[in-house]
Protein backbone atom coordinates (compact mmCIF):
# COMPACT_ATOMS: atom_id res chain seq x y z
CA MET A 1 -56.76 -20.05 227.12
CA PHE A 2 -54.77 -17.23 228.55
CA THR A 3 -52.51 -19.82 230.36
CA ASP A 4 -51.75 -21.41 227.03
CA TYR A 5 -50.90 -18.04 225.45
CA PHE A 6 -48.63 -17.22 228.42
CA PHE A 7 -46.61 -20.41 228.34
CA LEU A 8 -46.31 -20.41 224.53
CA ALA A 9 -45.03 -16.75 224.64
CA LEU A 10 -42.74 -17.56 227.49
CA ARG A 11 -41.29 -20.50 225.52
CA ASN A 12 -40.64 -18.21 222.49
CA VAL A 13 -38.88 -15.58 224.80
CA ARG A 14 -36.61 -18.31 226.24
CA LYS A 15 -35.96 -19.73 222.92
CA ARG A 16 -34.41 -16.42 221.73
CA GLY A 17 -32.11 -16.45 224.66
CA ILE A 18 -29.61 -13.71 224.62
CA ARG A 19 -31.53 -11.66 222.08
CA SER A 20 -34.42 -11.43 224.60
CA TRP A 21 -32.09 -10.16 227.33
CA LEU A 22 -30.56 -7.56 224.96
CA THR A 23 -34.03 -6.43 223.91
CA MET A 24 -34.93 -5.93 227.66
CA LEU A 25 -31.71 -4.04 228.42
CA GLY A 26 -33.34 -0.64 227.67
CA ILE A 27 -36.18 -1.54 230.07
CA PHE A 28 -33.67 -2.52 232.69
CA ILE A 29 -31.85 0.72 232.38
CA GLY A 30 -35.12 2.87 232.36
CA ILE A 31 -36.89 1.22 235.32
CA ALA A 32 -33.64 0.90 237.33
CA ALA A 33 -33.09 4.62 236.68
CA VAL A 34 -36.63 5.57 237.75
CA VAL A 35 -36.69 3.46 240.93
CA SER A 36 -33.22 4.35 242.09
CA LEU A 37 -33.35 8.11 241.39
CA ILE A 38 -36.93 8.53 242.87
CA SER A 39 -36.02 6.40 245.96
CA LEU A 40 -32.82 8.49 246.40
CA GLY A 41 -34.87 11.70 245.93
CA GLN A 42 -37.29 10.58 248.69
CA GLY A 43 -34.24 9.68 250.94
CA LEU A 44 -32.84 13.09 250.23
CA GLU A 45 -36.10 14.77 251.05
CA THR A 46 -36.36 12.87 254.34
CA ALA A 47 -32.76 13.80 255.25
CA ILE A 48 -33.22 17.49 254.55
CA THR A 49 -36.54 17.47 256.42
CA GLY A 50 -34.51 16.02 259.30
CA GLN A 51 -32.29 19.04 259.09
CA PHE A 52 -35.23 21.44 259.49
CA GLY A 53 -36.77 19.23 262.15
CA ALA A 54 -34.12 20.49 264.49
CA LEU A 55 -35.75 23.97 264.18
CA SER A 56 -38.78 24.77 266.39
CA VAL A 57 -42.01 25.52 264.58
CA ASP A 58 -42.29 28.79 266.55
CA THR A 59 -38.90 30.10 265.47
CA LEU A 60 -38.06 32.72 262.74
CA THR A 61 -34.60 33.53 261.23
CA ILE A 62 -33.94 37.06 259.96
CA GLN A 63 -30.79 37.79 257.86
CA GLY A 64 -29.48 39.79 255.04
CA ALA A 65 -30.26 38.41 251.64
CA ASP A 66 -27.75 35.70 250.83
CA THR A 67 -25.71 35.35 247.72
CA GLY A 68 -25.15 31.51 247.83
CA PHE A 69 -25.89 28.25 249.48
CA SER A 70 -24.24 28.76 252.83
CA PRO A 71 -25.30 28.83 256.51
CA PRO A 72 -27.44 31.79 257.63
CA GLY A 73 -25.79 35.17 257.25
CA SER A 74 -22.32 33.96 256.01
CA THR A 75 -22.79 35.26 252.46
CA SER A 76 -25.08 38.18 253.17
CA VAL A 77 -24.56 41.38 251.03
CA ARG A 78 -25.88 43.50 253.99
CA LYS A 79 -25.63 42.31 257.49
CA MET A 80 -28.30 42.93 260.14
CA THR A 81 -27.39 45.53 262.80
CA GLU A 82 -28.31 46.24 266.44
CA HIS A 83 -30.80 48.80 265.04
CA ASP A 84 -32.53 46.12 263.13
CA LEU A 85 -32.64 43.98 266.30
CA GLU A 86 -34.42 46.85 268.13
CA ILE A 87 -36.97 47.13 265.34
CA ILE A 88 -37.60 43.38 265.43
CA GLU A 89 -38.06 43.38 269.20
CA SER A 90 -40.59 46.15 268.88
CA VAL A 91 -43.02 43.73 266.98
CA SER A 92 -45.83 42.45 269.18
CA GLY A 93 -45.97 38.64 269.77
CA ILE A 94 -42.30 38.07 269.96
CA LYS A 95 -41.10 36.12 273.00
CA ILE A 96 -37.40 36.72 272.45
CA ALA A 97 -35.02 37.88 269.69
CA VAL A 98 -31.47 36.64 269.77
CA PRO A 99 -28.58 37.97 267.71
CA ARG A 100 -26.24 35.37 266.29
CA TYR A 101 -22.71 35.51 264.84
CA LEU A 102 -21.23 32.95 262.44
CA ARG A 103 -17.62 32.98 261.09
CA PHE A 104 -15.53 30.38 259.30
CA SER A 105 -12.20 30.12 260.79
CA GLU A 106 -8.91 28.25 260.92
CA ILE A 107 -8.74 25.74 263.75
CA GLU A 108 -5.35 24.25 264.89
CA PHE A 109 -4.81 21.14 267.10
CA ASN A 110 -1.92 18.78 267.41
CA ASP A 111 -0.12 20.91 264.93
CA VAL A 112 -2.73 20.15 262.28
CA LEU A 113 -4.56 22.99 260.61
CA GLY A 114 -8.19 22.53 259.82
CA PHE A 115 -11.39 24.74 259.29
CA GLY A 116 -14.71 25.16 261.10
CA ALA A 117 -17.69 27.29 261.56
CA VAL A 118 -17.59 29.32 264.67
CA GLY A 119 -21.08 30.09 266.13
CA SER A 120 -21.83 32.33 268.91
CA ILE A 121 -23.78 31.64 272.11
CA PRO A 122 -25.67 34.80 273.18
CA ASP A 123 -25.19 36.84 276.35
CA GLY A 124 -27.90 36.39 279.10
CA LYS A 125 -29.19 33.20 280.76
CA GLU A 126 -32.59 33.36 279.20
CA GLU A 127 -31.29 33.78 275.71
CA ILE A 128 -28.90 30.88 276.11
CA GLU A 129 -31.61 28.55 277.41
CA GLU A 130 -33.92 29.66 274.52
CA LEU A 131 -31.15 28.88 272.06
CA TYR A 132 -30.26 25.47 273.48
CA GLU A 133 -33.93 24.47 273.55
CA ALA A 134 -34.79 25.79 269.99
CA GLY A 135 -31.64 24.15 268.49
CA ASN A 136 -31.98 20.89 270.42
CA PHE A 137 -28.49 21.04 271.83
CA ARG A 138 -27.43 17.81 273.56
CA ILE A 139 -24.12 17.26 275.34
CA ALA A 140 -22.15 14.01 275.07
CA GLN A 141 -19.05 14.96 277.09
CA GLY A 142 -18.42 17.79 279.47
CA ARG A 143 -21.08 20.62 279.50
CA LEU A 144 -22.53 23.37 277.41
CA LEU A 145 -21.40 27.02 277.60
CA GLU A 146 -22.76 29.30 280.46
CA GLU A 147 -23.34 32.93 280.76
CA GLY A 148 -20.31 35.10 281.30
CA GLU A 149 -17.65 32.63 280.30
CA SER A 150 -14.61 33.44 278.14
CA GLY A 151 -11.86 31.42 276.48
CA VAL A 152 -13.91 28.19 276.41
CA VAL A 153 -15.59 26.47 273.41
CA ALA A 154 -17.89 23.38 272.83
CA LEU A 155 -17.39 21.38 269.69
CA GLY A 156 -19.71 19.45 267.42
CA ASP A 157 -19.45 15.67 267.24
CA SER A 158 -17.47 15.62 263.92
CA PHE A 159 -14.30 17.03 265.53
CA VAL A 160 -14.26 13.95 267.73
CA SER A 161 -15.73 11.13 265.57
CA ASN A 162 -13.91 11.99 262.35
CA ASN A 163 -10.46 12.33 264.08
CA LEU A 164 -9.73 15.38 261.93
CA PHE A 165 -6.57 16.20 263.74
CA GLY A 166 -4.84 12.92 264.07
CA LYS A 167 -5.33 12.94 267.77
CA PRO A 168 -8.50 12.76 269.79
CA ILE A 169 -9.92 16.02 271.09
CA ARG A 170 -11.18 15.60 274.63
CA VAL A 171 -12.80 17.89 277.33
CA GLY A 172 -9.93 19.90 278.60
CA SER A 173 -8.00 20.05 275.34
CA GLN A 174 -6.60 23.29 274.17
CA ILE A 175 -7.40 24.31 270.49
CA ASN A 176 -6.24 27.36 268.60
CA ILE A 177 -8.70 29.46 266.78
CA GLU A 178 -7.39 32.42 264.74
CA GLY A 179 -4.34 32.64 266.81
CA GLU A 180 -6.03 32.37 270.12
CA ASN A 181 -6.12 29.42 272.51
CA PHE A 182 -9.50 28.10 273.83
CA GLU A 183 -10.20 25.33 276.27
CA VAL A 184 -12.85 22.67 275.08
CA VAL A 185 -15.38 22.22 277.96
CA GLY A 186 -17.96 20.19 276.00
CA ILE A 187 -18.62 17.78 273.10
CA LEU A 188 -22.07 17.82 271.61
CA GLU A 189 -24.09 14.67 270.82
CA ARG A 190 -24.33 13.60 267.28
CA SER A 191 -27.04 15.60 265.56
CA SER A 192 -29.31 15.06 262.52
CA THR A 193 -28.29 18.67 261.64
CA PHE A 194 -25.10 18.66 259.66
CA PHE A 195 -24.03 22.10 260.52
CA LEU A 196 -24.24 21.59 264.24
CA ASN A 197 -21.85 18.42 264.06
CA ASP A 198 -19.28 20.60 262.46
CA ALA A 199 -19.76 23.78 264.63
CA VAL A 200 -17.60 25.45 267.21
CA LEU A 201 -19.68 27.12 269.88
CA MET A 202 -18.19 30.22 271.49
CA THR A 203 -19.62 32.99 273.69
CA GLU A 204 -20.80 36.11 271.87
CA GLU A 205 -18.17 38.41 273.36
CA ASP A 206 -15.40 36.03 272.41
CA VAL A 207 -16.61 35.93 268.85
CA LYS A 208 -16.83 39.65 268.65
CA GLU A 209 -13.39 40.22 270.01
CA LEU A 210 -11.85 37.33 268.00
CA PHE A 211 -13.20 38.55 264.68
CA ASP A 212 -13.27 42.26 265.44
CA ILE A 213 -17.06 42.59 265.01
CA ASP A 214 -18.63 45.91 265.84
CA ASP A 215 -22.29 46.65 264.97
CA GLU A 216 -23.18 44.02 262.34
CA ILE A 217 -25.13 40.78 263.15
CA ASP A 218 -25.00 37.80 260.87
CA PHE A 219 -28.67 36.66 261.70
CA ILE A 220 -31.34 36.96 264.31
CA VAL A 221 -33.20 34.12 265.69
CA VAL A 222 -36.77 35.07 266.85
CA ARG A 223 -39.04 32.87 268.91
CA VAL A 224 -42.69 33.88 268.97
CA GLU A 225 -45.19 33.56 271.79
CA ASP A 226 -47.83 31.74 269.62
CA LYS A 227 -46.76 29.44 266.77
CA ASP A 228 -50.01 29.91 265.08
CA GLU A 229 -49.27 33.58 264.64
CA ILE A 230 -45.86 32.97 263.16
CA GLU A 231 -46.75 33.96 259.63
CA THR A 232 -48.37 37.17 260.66
CA ILE A 233 -45.40 38.15 262.86
CA ALA A 234 -43.01 37.40 259.92
CA GLU A 235 -45.02 39.69 257.69
CA GLU A 236 -45.07 42.35 260.29
CA ILE A 237 -41.25 42.15 260.80
CA SER A 238 -40.80 42.40 257.05
CA ARG A 239 -43.16 45.38 256.86
CA LYS A 240 -41.27 47.33 259.63
CA LEU A 241 -37.82 46.63 258.22
CA ARG A 242 -38.97 47.67 254.69
CA LYS A 243 -40.32 50.85 256.20
CA ASP A 244 -37.15 51.58 258.11
CA ARG A 245 -34.97 50.91 255.09
CA GLY A 246 -37.23 52.71 252.64
CA GLN A 247 -37.72 49.64 250.40
CA LYS A 248 -40.67 48.46 248.40
CA LEU A 249 -42.18 44.95 248.60
CA GLY A 250 -40.03 42.55 246.66
CA GLU A 251 -37.02 44.73 246.72
CA GLU A 252 -35.81 43.74 250.18
CA ASP A 253 -32.18 43.13 250.99
CA PHE A 254 -33.13 40.92 253.93
CA GLU A 255 -34.85 37.72 254.44
CA VAL A 256 -37.48 36.61 257.08
CA GLN A 257 -37.71 32.85 257.01
CA THR A 258 -39.94 30.39 258.75
CA PRO A 259 -39.03 26.73 259.00
CA ALA A 260 -42.09 25.93 256.72
CA GLN A 261 -40.88 28.41 254.07
CA SER A 262 -37.37 27.02 254.06
CA LEU A 263 -38.63 23.34 253.83
CA GLU A 264 -40.97 24.31 251.06
CA ALA A 265 -38.25 25.78 248.98
CA VAL A 266 -36.00 22.88 249.47
CA ASN A 267 -38.90 20.44 248.51
CA THR A 268 -39.56 22.48 245.35
CA ILE A 269 -35.95 21.96 244.43
CA ILE A 270 -36.14 18.27 245.16
CA ASN A 271 -39.31 17.93 243.08
CA VAL A 272 -37.71 19.71 240.14
CA ILE A 273 -34.90 17.27 240.27
CA ASN A 274 -37.21 14.28 240.50
CA VAL A 275 -38.98 15.54 237.40
CA VAL A 276 -35.75 15.95 235.46
CA VAL A 277 -34.25 12.58 236.32
CA THR A 278 -37.63 10.92 235.66
CA GLY A 279 -37.63 12.49 232.28
CA ILE A 280 -34.15 11.09 231.62
CA ALA A 281 -35.33 7.68 232.73
CA LEU A 282 -38.39 7.79 230.34
CA ILE A 283 -36.03 8.39 227.44
CA ALA A 284 -34.30 5.15 228.36
CA LEU A 285 -37.72 3.42 228.62
CA LEU A 286 -38.68 4.83 225.23
CA VAL A 287 -35.47 3.21 223.79
CA GLY A 288 -36.37 -0.06 225.63
CA GLY A 289 -39.88 0.08 224.09
CA ILE A 290 -38.36 0.59 220.48
CA GLY A 291 -36.09 -2.47 221.18
CA ILE A 292 -39.16 -4.60 222.13
CA ALA A 293 -41.00 -3.40 218.99
CA ASN A 294 -37.95 -4.21 216.78
CA THR A 295 -37.63 -7.66 218.44
CA MET A 296 -41.33 -8.34 217.80
CA PHE A 297 -41.23 -7.23 214.19
CA THR A 298 -38.24 -9.55 213.65
CA SER A 299 -40.18 -12.35 215.47
CA VAL A 300 -43.08 -11.84 213.09
CA LEU A 301 -40.85 -12.20 210.01
CA GLU A 302 -39.06 -15.28 211.41
CA ARG A 303 -42.35 -17.02 212.36
CA THR A 304 -44.36 -16.20 209.22
CA ARG A 305 -44.66 -19.87 208.21
CA GLU A 306 -45.60 -20.72 211.75
CA ILE A 307 -48.31 -18.14 211.79
CA GLY A 308 -49.54 -19.56 208.42
CA VAL A 309 -49.65 -23.03 209.98
CA MET A 310 -51.57 -21.87 213.02
CA LYS A 311 -54.12 -20.07 210.78
CA ALA A 312 -54.39 -23.04 208.46
CA ILE A 313 -55.52 -25.33 211.43
CA GLY A 314 -58.15 -22.88 212.59
CA ALA A 315 -56.38 -20.15 214.60
CA GLU A 316 -58.20 -16.83 214.39
CA ASN A 317 -56.69 -13.28 214.07
CA LYS A 318 -57.42 -12.63 217.76
CA ASN A 319 -55.50 -15.73 218.74
CA ILE A 320 -52.44 -14.64 216.83
CA LEU A 321 -52.78 -11.14 218.11
CA SER A 322 -52.95 -12.45 221.76
CA ILE A 323 -49.95 -14.64 221.32
CA PHE A 324 -47.70 -11.69 220.21
CA LEU A 325 -49.18 -9.22 222.69
CA VAL A 326 -48.55 -11.63 225.64
CA GLU A 327 -44.95 -12.17 224.33
CA SER A 328 -44.21 -8.43 224.27
CA ALA A 329 -45.96 -8.03 227.54
CA ILE A 330 -43.67 -10.64 229.17
CA LEU A 331 -40.64 -8.85 227.80
CA GLY A 332 -41.87 -5.56 229.49
CA LEU A 333 -42.82 -7.37 232.68
CA ILE A 334 -39.59 -9.23 233.10
CA GLY A 335 -37.61 -6.13 232.24
CA GLY A 336 -39.69 -4.17 234.76
CA ILE A 337 -39.23 -6.62 237.61
CA VAL A 338 -35.37 -6.99 237.07
CA GLY A 339 -35.06 -3.18 236.55
CA ALA A 340 -36.99 -2.50 239.76
CA CYS A 341 -34.69 -4.89 241.72
CA ILE A 342 -31.60 -3.34 240.24
CA GLY A 343 -32.88 0.17 240.89
CA LEU A 344 -33.63 -0.64 244.52
CA ALA A 345 -30.41 -2.25 245.12
CA LEU A 346 -28.57 0.79 243.66
CA ALA A 347 -30.53 3.15 245.83
CA LEU A 348 -29.84 1.27 248.92
CA GLY A 349 -26.19 0.88 248.08
CA VAL A 350 -25.74 4.64 247.42
CA SER A 351 -27.59 5.49 250.69
CA GLN A 352 -25.36 3.27 252.57
CA ILE A 353 -22.19 4.67 251.06
CA ALA A 354 -23.54 8.26 251.72
CA ASN A 355 -24.26 7.34 255.47
CA THR A 356 -20.78 5.82 255.81
CA ALA A 357 -19.24 8.95 254.39
CA LEU A 358 -21.26 11.25 256.66
CA ASN A 359 -20.83 9.00 259.69
CA ASN A 360 -24.58 9.27 260.25
CA ASN A 361 -27.73 7.17 259.26
CA ILE A 362 -29.58 10.29 258.14
CA PHE A 363 -29.81 9.30 254.52
CA ALA A 364 -32.61 6.56 254.66
CA VAL A 365 -33.93 4.82 251.64
CA THR A 366 -37.11 2.92 252.21
CA PRO A 367 -38.59 0.46 249.59
CA SER A 368 -41.81 2.00 248.39
CA ALA A 369 -44.39 -0.54 247.34
CA PRO A 370 -46.41 2.02 245.21
CA LEU A 371 -43.21 3.07 243.35
CA LEU A 372 -42.18 -0.56 242.66
CA ILE A 373 -45.69 -1.67 241.59
CA GLY A 374 -46.04 1.47 239.43
CA SER A 375 -42.71 1.06 237.80
CA VAL A 376 -43.33 -2.67 236.86
CA SER A 377 -46.85 -1.83 235.77
CA PHE A 378 -45.58 0.90 233.50
CA SER A 379 -42.97 -1.24 232.09
CA LEU A 380 -45.65 -3.87 231.37
CA LEU A 381 -47.68 -1.19 229.60
CA ILE A 382 -44.58 -0.15 227.53
CA GLY A 383 -44.15 -3.88 226.52
CA ILE A 384 -47.77 -4.13 225.31
CA LEU A 385 -47.85 -0.88 223.52
CA SER A 386 -44.45 -1.72 221.72
CA GLY A 387 -45.77 -5.10 220.68
CA LEU A 388 -49.22 -3.87 219.50
CA VAL A 389 -48.25 -2.91 215.90
CA PRO A 390 -46.15 -6.10 215.27
CA ALA A 391 -48.98 -8.21 216.79
CA LEU A 392 -51.56 -6.57 214.52
CA GLN A 393 -49.27 -7.23 211.51
CA ALA A 394 -48.93 -10.90 212.43
CA SER A 395 -52.69 -11.35 212.91
CA LYS A 396 -53.49 -9.86 209.62
CA LEU A 397 -51.15 -12.22 207.60
CA ASN A 398 -52.85 -14.11 204.78
CA PRO A 399 -52.37 -17.86 205.70
CA VAL A 400 -51.73 -18.87 202.09
CA GLU A 401 -49.04 -16.26 201.52
CA ALA A 402 -47.63 -16.99 205.02
CA LEU A 403 -47.14 -20.73 204.11
CA ARG A 404 -45.43 -19.91 200.87
CA LYS A 405 -42.59 -18.08 202.85
């Protein structure tokens, strides 16, 4: 019996042709928006997780409270100092604490002016090894910087792969930073961390001299002895710094961040974005549902005599109800399937464009079966609910009055 209802309803949908497609337009848009935006949100979350994946789970970052979305320490109201470093090093459970400097600078090569982020490599062989290990630094050409060097730099992959200066930079090239010449001794491998790809690595003494830095420190990287104690150590560092600065809990002008805290904050933002875009998509689905309801009401009016004939030859109210419900369900189902395909194609297309622009396959969109099935099922539900009232109206028509129209 259901098969008969299905094919009869499908024939009616096909008979209305372009009107059926226009009816499903709202469903197309809504489901496509849901699938594409949520898929892109998941891809974005994966990409950002990859950024934090470069950080060790036993590493803390301490910096002044930031005023914007920028690399660590670059927008701090109050920088860290050597005194702060001494306080941090006094906390038990810390394996090593490394001061870091970060400055944005003009970079000139081949008479072309560009910009980049100059990051410091600390003094001391042990500190350098810890930094390279924690940051997962890998060299593609040449070598990494060593202790006691001066006048040399290592560059991120973007300076080579993006051809920013119209001429390839190679190991041995001379580049000008803030009016001073430096020799390129190494090119880093492409990293999943955006910042590292665009960084210029320079020894700490060169950074201090070049940018006239005295006592301030942009941020401090701390590696703990036991990763399971990282939260406890972070709290102890915060307590000691508050006590030294005479500040109360919640009034700190510094931040002590663990990788987990940073990732949690980003995921919260992504979840909020997903909720907002899903809400917008649901509005489109509501419009689509209203379109289905409108089409079904019109169909009832156009087929009043047909309904009267069916009732006159023995069709019951439940039969009429089923025919119209199946018809509206088909509209929702087809709209959901087509919309899901469009949404997935859009998400894959946008991710491909983003990866091409970034010259990296970091932004990956993976088809999610639960998302696709859930979206199509929700669209089917919208179709059924939208057709319920018109179907009830059709099933309650008086056969004699219906035949007169």
